[in-house]
Structures are given as C-alpha cells and as structure tokens.
C-alpha atoms as a PDB file:
ATOM      1  CA  MET A   1     -11.577 -20.299  21.347  1.00  0.00           C
ATOM      2  CA  LYS A   2      -8.910 -20.758  24.030  1.00  0.00           C
ATOM      3  CA  LEU A   3      -6.754 -17.789  24.950  1.00  0.00           C
ATOM      4  CA  ARG A   4      -3.545 -19.377  23.709  1.00  0.00           C
ATOM      5  CA  THR A   5      -5.157 -20.373  20.399  1.00  0.00           C
ATOM      6  CA  PHE A   6      -6.577 -16.866  19.910  1.00  0.00           C
ATOM      7  CA  VAL A   7      -3.215 -15.239  20.611  1.00  0.00           C
ATOM      8  CA  VAL A   8      -1.503 -17.579  18.146  1.00  0.00           C
ATOM      9  CA  ALA A   9      -4.118 -16.687  15.501  1.00  0.00           C
ATOM     10  CA  ALA A  10      -3.622 -12.980  16.194  1.00  0.00           C
ATOM     11  CA  VAL A  11       0.138 -13.289  15.878  1.00  0.00           C
ATOM     12  CA  ALA A  12      -0.367 -15.174  12.601  1.00  0.00           C
ATOM     13  CA  ALA A  13      -2.564 -12.326  11.336  1.00  0.00           C
ATOM     14  CA  LEU A  14       0.107  -9.856  12.379  1.00  0.00           C
ATOM     15  CA  GLY A  15       2.630 -11.839  10.360  1.00  0.00           C
ATOM     16  CA  SER A  16       0.264 -11.843   7.385  1.00  0.00           C
ATOM     17  CA  THR A  17      -0.073  -8.056   7.589  1.00  0.00           C
ATOM     18  CA  ALA A  18       3.695  -7.734   7.755  1.00  0.00           C
ATOM     19  CA  ALA A  19       3.970  -9.911   4.648  1.00  0.00           C
ATOM     20  CA  LEU A  20       1.624  -7.576   2.762  1.00  0.00           C
ATOM     21  CA  ALA A  21       3.674  -4.594   3.837  1.00  0.00           C
ATOM     22  CA  ALA A  22       6.838  -6.362   2.730  1.00  0.00           C
ATOM     23  CA  SER A  23       5.340  -6.791  -0.745  1.00  0.00           C
ATOM     24  CA  SER A  24       5.015  -3.022  -1.111  1.00  0.00           C
ATOM     25  CA  SER A  25       7.280  -1.358  -3.670  1.00  0.00           C
ATOM     26  CA  VAL A  26       8.932   2.051  -3.295  1.00  0.00           C
ATOM     27  CA  VAL A  27      11.249   3.875  -5.699  1.00  0.00           C
ATOM     28  CA  ASP A  28      13.188   6.654  -3.937  1.00  0.00           C
ATOM     29  CA  PHE A  29      15.942   6.799  -6.603  1.00  0.00           C
ATOM     30  CA  SER A  30      18.650   5.972  -4.057  1.00  0.00           C
ATOM     31  CA  ASN A  31      19.443   2.927  -6.232  1.00  0.00           C
ATOM     32  CA  GLY A  32      19.223   4.641  -9.598  1.00  0.00           C
ATOM     33  CA  MET A  33      16.171   4.851 -11.848  1.00  0.00           C
ATOM     34  CA  GLN A  34      14.901   1.347 -10.939  1.00  0.00           C
ATOM     35  CA  GLY A  35      13.092   0.867 -14.246  1.00  0.00           C
ATOM     36  CA  TRP A  36      11.529   4.352 -14.489  1.00  0.00           C
ATOM     37  CA  PHE A  37      12.295   6.965 -17.153  1.00  0.00           C
ATOM     38  CA  GLY A  38      11.214  10.518 -17.841  1.00  0.00           C
ATOM     39  CA  THR A  39       9.242  11.858 -20.818  1.00  0.00           C
ATOM     40  CA  GLY A  40       8.551  15.366 -22.061  1.00  0.00           C
ATOM     41  CA  ALA A  41      10.462  17.818 -19.868  1.00  0.00           C
ATOM     42  CA  ALA A  42      12.573  14.953 -18.580  1.00  0.00           C
ATOM     43  CA  GLY A  43      14.441  14.856 -21.891  1.00  0.00           C
ATOM     44  CA  ASN A  44      15.561  18.473 -21.918  1.00  0.00           C
ATOM     45  CA  THR A  45      18.116  20.767 -20.262  1.00  0.00           C
ATOM     46  CA  PHE A  46      18.676  18.644 -17.165  1.00  0.00           C
ATOM     47  CA  SER A  47      17.296  15.240 -16.335  1.00  0.00           C
ATOM     48  CA  GLY A  48      18.738  13.061 -13.617  1.00  0.00           C
ATOM     49  CA  ILE A  49      18.874  12.088  -9.976  1.00  0.00           C
ATOM     50  CA  ASP A  50      19.316  15.013  -7.603  1.00  0.00           C
ATOM     51  CA  SER A  51      20.314  14.537  -3.950  1.00  0.00           C
ATOM     52  CA  GLY A  52      19.093  18.005  -2.961  1.00  0.00           C
ATOM     53  CA  LEU A  53      15.373  17.773  -3.777  1.00  0.00           C
ATOM     54  CA  GLY A  54      14.225  14.415  -2.432  1.00  0.00           C
ATOM     55  CA  ASN A  55      12.028  13.861   0.575  1.00  0.00           C
ATOM     56  CA  GLY A  56      14.802  12.540   2.801  1.00  0.00           C
ATOM     57  CA  SER A  57      16.817  11.122  -0.111  1.00  0.00           C
ATOM     58  CA  GLN A  58      17.395  11.517  -3.850  1.00  0.00           C
ATOM     59  CA  ALA A  59      14.725  12.503  -6.352  1.00  0.00           C
ATOM     60  CA  PHE A  60      14.366  12.499 -10.120  1.00  0.00           C
ATOM     61  CA  HIS A  61      14.786  16.122 -11.247  1.00  0.00           C
ATOM     62  CA  ALA A  62      13.882  17.501 -14.688  1.00  0.00           C
ATOM     63  CA  VAL A  63      14.472  21.033 -15.986  1.00  0.00           C
ATOM     64  CA  GLY A  64      13.623  22.383 -19.428  1.00  0.00           C
ATOM     65  CA  PRO A  65      10.939  23.313 -21.978  1.00  0.00           C
ATOM     66  CA  ALA A  66       8.407  20.718 -23.112  1.00  0.00           C
ATOM     67  CA  SER A  67       4.718  20.198 -23.795  1.00  0.00           C
ATOM     68  CA  HIS A  68       4.403  17.947 -20.718  1.00  0.00           C
ATOM     69  CA  PHE A  69       6.236  16.206 -17.902  1.00  0.00           C
ATOM     70  CA  GLY A  70       5.951  12.492 -17.225  1.00  0.00           C
ATOM     71  CA  MET A  71       7.482   9.526 -15.426  1.00  0.00           C
ATOM     72  CA  VAL A  72       6.900   6.090 -16.945  1.00  0.00           C
ATOM     73  CA  THR A  73       7.842   2.477 -16.321  1.00  0.00           C
ATOM     74  CA  ASN A  74       7.295  -0.517 -18.574  1.00  0.00           C
ATOM     75  CA  THR A  75      10.066  -2.703 -17.158  1.00  0.00           C
ATOM     76  CA  SER A  76       9.763  -2.520 -13.350  1.00  0.00           C
ATOM     77  CA  LYS A  77       8.132  -5.810 -12.339  1.00  0.00           C
ATOM     78  CA  ASP A  78       7.208  -4.358  -8.948  1.00  0.00           C
ATOM     79  CA  PHE A  79       4.753  -1.978 -10.646  1.00  0.00           C
ATOM     80  CA  LEU A  80       3.508  -4.138 -13.524  1.00  0.00           C
ATOM     81  CA  GLY A  81       1.384  -7.243 -13.908  1.00  0.00           C
ATOM     82  CA  ASN A  82      -1.853  -8.330 -12.274  1.00  0.00           C
ATOM     83  CA  TYR A  83      -3.081  -5.660  -9.856  1.00  0.00           C
ATOM     84  CA  THR A  84      -6.091  -7.809  -8.953  1.00  0.00           C
ATOM     85  CA  ASP A  85      -3.735 -10.021  -6.948  1.00  0.00           C
ATOM     86  CA  MET A  86      -4.193  -7.250  -4.364  1.00  0.00           C
ATOM     87  CA  LYS A  87      -7.826  -6.823  -3.333  1.00  0.00           C
ATOM     88  CA  SER A  88      -7.141  -3.167  -2.464  1.00  0.00           C
ATOM     89  CA  LEU A  89      -4.094  -1.049  -3.202  1.00  0.00           C
ATOM     90  CA  THR A  90      -2.671   2.443  -2.825  1.00  0.00           C
ATOM     91  CA  PHE A  91      -0.474   4.267  -5.337  1.00  0.00           C
ATOM     92  CA  SER A  92       1.416   7.344  -4.106  1.00  0.00           C
ATOM     93  CA  PHE A  93       4.351   9.668  -4.827  1.00  0.00           C
ATOM     94  CA  ASP A  94       5.862  13.034  -3.834  1.00  0.00           C
ATOM     95  CA  MET A  95       6.417  15.984  -6.188  1.00  0.00           C
ATOM     96  CA  THR A  96       8.281  19.256  -5.830  1.00  0.00           C
ATOM     97  CA  VAL A  97       7.753  22.090  -8.316  1.00  0.00           C
ATOM     98  CA  LYS A  98      10.452  24.734  -8.286  1.00  0.00           C
ATOM     99  CA  GLU A  99       8.968  26.393 -11.376  1.00  0.00           C
ATOM    100  CA  LEU A 100       6.249  25.713 -13.938  1.00  0.00           C
ATOM    101  CA  ALA A 101       5.747  28.613 -16.310  1.00  0.00           C
ATOM    102  CA  ILE A 102       4.911  29.801 -19.818  1.00  0.00           C
ATOM    103  CA  GLY A 103       7.669  31.695 -21.604  1.00  0.00           C
ATOM    104  CA  GLY A 104      10.748  30.094 -20.097  1.00  0.00           C
ATOM    105  CA  PRO A 105      12.444  30.646 -16.731  1.00  0.00           C
ATOM    106  CA  GLY A 106      10.804  33.494 -14.838  1.00  0.00           C
ATOM    107  CA  GLY A 107       7.756  33.377 -17.131  1.00  0.00           C
ATOM    108  CA  PHE A 108       4.071  33.464 -16.246  1.00  0.00           C
ATOM    109  CA  PRO A 109       3.292  30.850 -13.542  1.00  0.00           C
ATOM    110  CA  LEU A 110       1.176  27.948 -14.754  1.00  0.00           C
ATOM    111  CA  GLY A 111      -0.853  25.233 -13.051  1.00  0.00           C
ATOM    112  CA  GLN A 112      -1.289  21.811 -14.668  1.00  0.00           C
ATOM    113  CA  ASP A 113      -3.374  18.726 -13.952  1.00  0.00           C
ATOM    114  CA  LEU A 114      -1.481  15.573 -13.040  1.00  0.00           C
ATOM    115  CA  VAL A 115      -2.796  12.081 -13.803  1.00  0.00           C
ATOM    116  CA  LEU A 116      -1.907   8.459 -13.090  1.00  0.00           C
ATOM    117  CA  GLU A 117      -2.499   6.136 -16.051  1.00  0.00           C
ATOM    118  CA  LEU A 118      -2.360   2.313 -16.052  1.00  0.00           C
ATOM    119  CA  ARG A 119      -1.918   0.926 -19.579  1.00  0.00           C
ATOM    120  CA  ASP A 120      -2.467  -2.506 -21.124  1.00  0.00           C
ATOM    121  CA  TYR A 121      -0.797  -2.948 -24.536  1.00  0.00           C
ATOM    122  CA  ASP A 122      -2.310  -6.409 -25.043  1.00  0.00           C
ATOM    123  CA  LYS A 123      -5.728  -4.762 -25.409  1.00  0.00           C
ATOM    124  CA  ARG A 124      -5.149  -2.368 -28.274  1.00  0.00           C
ATOM    125  CA  GLY A 125      -7.754   0.365 -28.662  1.00  0.00           C
ATOM    126  CA  PRO A 126      -9.106   1.784 -31.952  1.00  0.00           C
ATOM    127  CA  GLN A 127      -7.479   5.147 -31.197  1.00  0.00           C
ATOM    128  CA  LEU A 128      -4.302   4.062 -29.361  1.00  0.00           C
ATOM    129  CA  PRO A 129      -1.917   1.085 -29.233  1.00  0.00           C
ATOM    130  CA  TYR A 130      -3.226   0.316 -25.733  1.00  0.00           C
ATOM    131  CA  SER A 131      -6.261   0.523 -23.481  1.00  0.00           C
ATOM    132  CA  SER A 132      -5.927   2.227 -20.114  1.00  0.00           C
ATOM    133  CA  VAL A 133      -7.615   3.548 -16.998  1.00  0.00           C
ATOM    134  CA  TRP A 134      -6.584   6.851 -15.464  1.00  0.00           C
ATOM    135  CA  VAL A 135      -7.379   9.226 -12.613  1.00  0.00           C
ATOM    136  CA  PHE A 136      -6.690  12.884 -11.772  1.00  0.00           C
ATOM    137  CA  MET A 137      -4.194  13.079  -8.911  1.00  0.00           C
ATOM    138  CA  GLY A 138      -4.232  16.858  -8.426  1.00  0.00           C
ATOM    139  CA  VAL A 139      -2.693  20.109  -9.677  1.00  0.00           C
ATOM    140  CA  ILE A 140       0.986  21.082  -9.743  1.00  0.00           C
ATOM    141  CA  GLY A 141       2.371  24.578 -10.253  1.00  0.00           C
ATOM    142  CA  GLY A 142       0.222  27.701 -10.196  1.00  0.00           C
ATOM    143  CA  TYR A 143      -1.149  28.341  -6.709  1.00  0.00           C
ATOM    144  CA  ALA A 144      -0.592  24.758  -5.532  1.00  0.00           C
ATOM    145  CA  PRO A 145       1.980  24.079  -2.781  1.00  0.00           C
ATOM    146  CA  ALA A 146       5.523  23.649  -4.053  1.00  0.00           C
ATOM    147  CA  SER A 147       5.873  20.228  -2.413  1.00  0.00           C
ATOM    148  CA  GLN A 148       2.958  17.797  -2.417  1.00  0.00           C
ATOM    149  CA  HIS A 149       2.188  14.173  -1.596  1.00  0.00           C
ATOM    150  CA  PHE A 150      -0.238  12.509  -4.025  1.00  0.00           C
ATOM    151  CA  SER A 151      -2.107   9.302  -3.261  1.00  0.00           C
ATOM    152  CA  VAL A 152      -4.987   7.264  -4.682  1.00  0.00           C
ATOM    153  CA  THR A 153      -6.515   4.058  -3.303  1.00  0.00           C
ATOM    154  CA  ILE A 154      -8.368   1.433  -5.347  1.00  0.00           C
ATOM    155  CA  ALA A 155     -10.741  -0.120  -2.824  1.00  0.00           C
ATOM    156  CA  ASP A 156     -11.831  -3.044  -5.022  1.00  0.00           C
ATOM    157  CA  THR A 157      -9.627  -4.210  -7.876  1.00  0.00           C
ATOM    158  CA  SER A 158     -12.245  -6.793  -8.907  1.00  0.00           C
ATOM    159  CA  SER A 159     -14.759  -4.118  -9.955  1.00  0.00           C
ATOM    160  CA  ASN A 160     -15.650  -4.109 -13.635  1.00  0.00           C
ATOM    161  CA  LEU A 161     -17.055  -0.589 -13.338  1.00  0.00           C
ATOM    162  CA  LEU A 162     -14.785   2.441 -13.230  1.00  0.00           C
ATOM    163  CA  PRO A 163     -14.601   3.728  -9.642  1.00  0.00           C
ATOM    164  CA  ALA A 164     -15.550   7.346  -8.946  1.00  0.00           C
ATOM    165  CA  GLY A 165     -12.922   9.662 -10.407  1.00  0.00           C
ATOM    166  CA  TRP A 166     -11.477   7.076 -12.796  1.00  0.00           C
ATOM    167  CA  HIS A 167     -11.748   7.250 -16.593  1.00  0.00           C
ATOM    168  CA  GLY A 168     -10.972   5.052 -19.592  1.00  0.00           C
ATOM    169  CA  ASN A 169      -8.740   5.581 -22.617  1.00  0.00           C
ATOM    170  CA  GLY A 170      -8.006   3.814 -25.897  1.00  0.00           C
ATOM    171  CA  ASP A 171     -11.115   4.861 -27.824  1.00  0.00           C
ATOM    172  CA  ALA A 172     -13.205   8.013 -28.256  1.00  0.00           C
ATOM    173  CA  ASP A 173     -16.819   8.547 -27.190  1.00  0.00           C
ATOM    174  CA  GLN A 174     -19.489  10.371 -29.223  1.00  0.00           C
ATOM    175  CA  TYR A 175     -18.090  13.720 -28.093  1.00  0.00           C
ATOM    176  CA  GLY A 176     -14.489  12.857 -28.926  1.00  0.00           C
ATOM    177  CA  GLY A 177     -13.464  12.325 -25.320  1.00  0.00           C
ATOM    178  CA  PRO A 178     -11.353   9.375 -24.153  1.00  0.00           C
ATOM    179  CA  THR A 179     -13.145   6.166 -23.171  1.00  0.00           C
ATOM    180  CA  LEU A 180     -12.433   2.470 -22.778  1.00  0.00           C
ATOM    181  CA  PRO A 181     -12.755   0.427 -25.980  1.00  0.00           C
ATOM    182  CA  TYR A 182     -15.825  -1.789 -26.308  1.00  0.00           C
ATOM    183  CA  GLY A 183     -15.586  -4.912 -24.161  1.00  0.00           C
ATOM    184  CA  GLN A 184     -12.883  -3.586 -21.854  1.00  0.00           C
ATOM    185  CA  THR A 185     -13.487  -3.037 -18.137  1.00  0.00           C
ATOM    186  CA  PHE A 186     -11.639  -1.594 -15.166  1.00  0.00           C
ATOM    187  CA  ARG A 187     -10.854  -5.082 -13.855  1.00  0.00           C
ATOM    188  CA  ARG A 188      -9.608  -6.363 -17.233  1.00  0.00           C
ATOM    189  CA  ILE A 189      -7.084  -3.522 -17.479  1.00  0.00           C
ATOM    190  CA  LEU A 190      -5.895  -4.059 -13.901  1.00  0.00           C
ATOM    191  CA  MET A 191      -5.331  -7.754 -14.615  1.00  0.00           C
ATOM    192  CA  ASP A 192      -2.473  -6.970 -17.031  1.00  0.00           C
ATOM    193  CA  VAL A 193      -0.815  -3.582 -16.468  1.00  0.00           C
ATOM    194  CA  ASP A 194       2.056  -3.253 -18.967  1.00  0.00           C
ATOM    195  CA  GLU A 195       2.949   0.396 -18.357  1.00  0.00           C
ATOM    196  CA  VAL A 196       2.430   2.990 -15.619  1.00  0.00           C
ATOM    197  CA  ALA A 197       2.589   6.726 -16.317  1.00  0.00           C
ATOM    198  CA  ILE A 198       2.535   9.720 -13.980  1.00  0.00           C
ATOM    199  CA  THR A 199       2.046  12.625 -16.351  1.00  0.00           C
ATOM    200  CA  THR A 200       0.662  16.079 -17.073  1.00  0.00           C
ATOM    201  CA  ALA A 201      -0.426  14.820 -20.525  1.00  0.00           C
ATOM    202  CA  VAL A 202      -4.101  14.321 -19.672  1.00  0.00           C
ATOM    203  CA  PRO A 203      -5.813  11.827 -22.049  1.00  0.00           C
ATOM    204  CA  GLY A 204      -8.055  13.552 -24.565  1.00  0.00           C
ATOM    205  CA  PHE A 205      -6.242  16.898 -24.473  1.00  0.00           C
ATOM    206  CA  ILE A 206      -3.921  18.218 -27.184  1.00  0.00           C
ATOM    207  CA  TYR A 207      -0.701  19.841 -25.995  1.00  0.00           C
ATOM    208  CA  GLY A 208       1.160  22.084 -28.410  1.00  0.00           C
ATOM    209  CA  ALA A 209       2.651  25.082 -26.580  1.00  0.00           C
ATOM    210  CA  GLU A 210       5.794  24.467 -24.595  1.00  0.00           C
ATOM    211  CA  GLN A 211       6.011  25.166 -20.888  1.00  0.00           C
ATOM    212  CA  TYR A 212       9.109  25.520 -18.740  1.00  0.00           C
ATOM    213  CA  TYR A 213       9.453  22.811 -16.108  1.00  0.00           C
ATOM    214  CA  ASP A 214      11.680  22.614 -13.049  1.00  0.00           C
ATOM    215  CA  VAL A 215      10.150  19.661 -11.196  1.00  0.00           C
ATOM    216  CA  ALA A 216      11.180  16.654  -9.128  1.00  0.00           C
ATOM    217  CA  ILE A 217       9.435  13.391  -8.253  1.00  0.00           C
ATOM    218  CA  ASP A 218      10.253  11.033  -5.402  1.00  0.00           C
ATOM    219  CA  ASN A 219       8.999   8.046  -3.377  1.00  0.00           C
ATOM    220  CA  ILE A 220       6.867   6.391  -6.062  1.00  0.00           C
ATOM    221  CA  ALA A 221       5.076   3.631  -4.156  1.00  0.00           C
ATOM    222  CA  LEU A 222       2.574   0.830  -4.748  1.00  0.00           C
ATOM    223  CA  SER A 223       1.288  -1.049  -1.713  1.00  0.00           C
ATOM    224  CA  ALA A 224      -1.451  -3.517  -0.839  1.00  0.00           C
ATOM    225  CA  VAL A 225      -4.061  -2.366   1.682  1.00  0.00           C
ATOM    226  CA  PRO A 226      -4.540  -4.936   4.508  1.00  0.00           C
ATOM    227  CA  GLU A 227      -8.072  -6.228   4.961  1.00  0.00           C
ATOM    228  CA  PRO A 228     -10.101  -4.895   7.962  1.00  0.00           C
ATOM    229  CA  GLU A 229     -10.246  -8.335   9.584  1.00  0.00           C
ATOM    230  CA  GLN A 230      -6.451  -8.456   9.642  1.00  0.00           C
ATOM    231  CA  TYR A 231      -6.339  -5.152  11.518  1.00  0.00           C
ATOM    232  CA  SER A 232      -8.997  -6.388  13.967  1.00  0.00           C
ATOM    233  CA  MET A 233      -7.170  -9.641  14.643  1.00  0.00           C
ATOM    234  CA  MET A 234      -3.877  -7.801  15.042  1.00  0.00           C
ATOM    235  CA  VAL A 235      -5.314  -5.302  17.548  1.00  0.00           C
ATOM    236  CA  ALA A 236      -7.115  -8.036  19.479  1.00  0.00           C
ATOM    237  CA  GLY A 237      -3.982 -10.157  19.594  1.00  0.00           C
ATOM    238  CA  LEU A 238      -1.812  -7.314  20.822  1.00  0.00           C
ATOM    239  CA  GLY A 239      -4.405  -6.533  23.506  1.00  0.00           C
ATOM    240  CA  LEU A 240      -4.466 -10.140  24.704  1.00  0.00           C
ATOM    241  CA  LEU A 241      -0.693 -10.314  24.728  1.00  0.00           C
ATOM    242  CA  GLY A 242      -0.626  -7.202  26.919  1.00  0.00           C
ATOM    243  CA  PHE A 243      -3.323  -8.629  29.215  1.00  0.00           C
ATOM    244  CA  THR A 244      -1.399 -11.888  29.587  1.00  0.00           C
ATOM    245  CA  ALA A 245       1.819 -10.030  30.365  1.00  0.00           C
ATOM    246  CA  ARG A 246       0.097  -8.006  33.084  1.00  0.00           C
ATOM    247  CA  ARG A 247      -1.366 -11.157  34.664  1.00  0.00           C
ATOM    248  CA  ARG A 248       2.049 -12.802  34.729  1.00  0.00           C
ATOM    249  CA  LYS A 249       3.574  -9.697  36.278  1.00  0.00           C
ATOM    250  CA  ARG A 250       0.948  -9.688  39.081  1.00  0.00           C
ATOM    251  CA  ALA A 251       1.514 -13.407  39.686  1.00  0.00           C
END
C-alpha cells in the first residue's frame, strides 16, 4: 500500500472512531432529567436536580425514607433500542452517598448492592411483565467510598450466553431465584431494550424495611467501544503523519 493511501485510510479510521464517540450518550442533568426519573427514595422528602453534588455539574439528588433507590428511563431513545447495533459497549455513571442508614437521619450506616438492569417488555416473563438481564455494579453506603464511579463493559453483544457476572430475570428457577424465561437469551434481550434501571432493588430479593437515603447520581453514559483494528489504524496513521511532517521539515 502506498504511503499516501495508507495515511488516507488511517485518517478515515480516525474519523470512524470519532463517529462512534459522537454516538455516545451522556446525561449530566444540566439539561433537566432527559427522560430519566427516580423511584423509591427519589419520590420522598427531596427529589430533584442539585447543582452542588454533581461531578463538575448538576446531579440528580434524592433524600428520604424508602425500601430502595432507583433511576429509570423508558423514554430516552439514546439509552433504548437495539444494543446489538454496537458490537461492544460500556455503561457507566457516578454516585455520591451522603447518607444511607437504617432508622432515619443519623441512624445505623448501611451498605447496599447496586445493579444495572436492562428490560424488554415485549418478552413478558411468567413472573414479571418483562424479561431482563442484570449485573451487580458494586456497593454503596456502609464502608464504601462516598463518591464512586461505576462502569460495566459488554464485550460481545451478539452472545446468546450470559457473560460472567450477568444474570437473568422474568422467571424463577428451581430454587426460587431470578432467571431468564425459557427461550430468552442475552442477545435477544439486548436487541430490544425498553427500559433501563439503576437500582438497589436487586432482582429476587424482597425489600420491606425502609432505609434513609441521601444519594445523588450523575453522568449516566452509554458508549460504543471502538474495535481494536480502528485503534491500530488510528495509531499507525498518526505515526505516519508525524513521520511525513518530519521529512518535509528536513527537506
């Protein structure tokens, strides 16, 4: 391949990578709720956008007693639809916990699991009005850091098998735990995501006692992961462009 042709191809790959990045979606609440709404604690004492808790901008802040805290969207087109259009993707967000306790403000500190759940209402399960796949993101409250960044990457959206760490929901297995309904697969759910939930309501668990929440969420993001060959072409192209510039400078 001639030098000029290779450089043009590298620049084209760079443009392709930029296009993928441009398709990424981020909700930092600087433009309102952007299709997201709160559940559980988000419907209590205070629930709204706070300019003092965000990571560089506003954040959604919820304060009050509830059995769980959650952020959900079923209207934001940037986060719904066919996830398999992206071969690989990363979902991430920031959370700040000012207090999570039993017994109201100043109560006994509590740690809770946090999950990301992708739901498909067109594939109703025997136990729920949807089928879903979900993954543990980490722990908030308790001894966890007050401010945390959570992230999960799906390396292959075309996989029918649940990746390590992922689980199914919509039906119950022989032990009563959550599982995907018969005939549903990881890929089938990702092909038609109708609702996304970030929540402490872990599938399969029953929540009765109220906790006191003072939490904020920010920078909810979904982005495609560029393919390795795009990175290689981009790096090679940039190197050749630098080499050409140095040759011209010497001349």
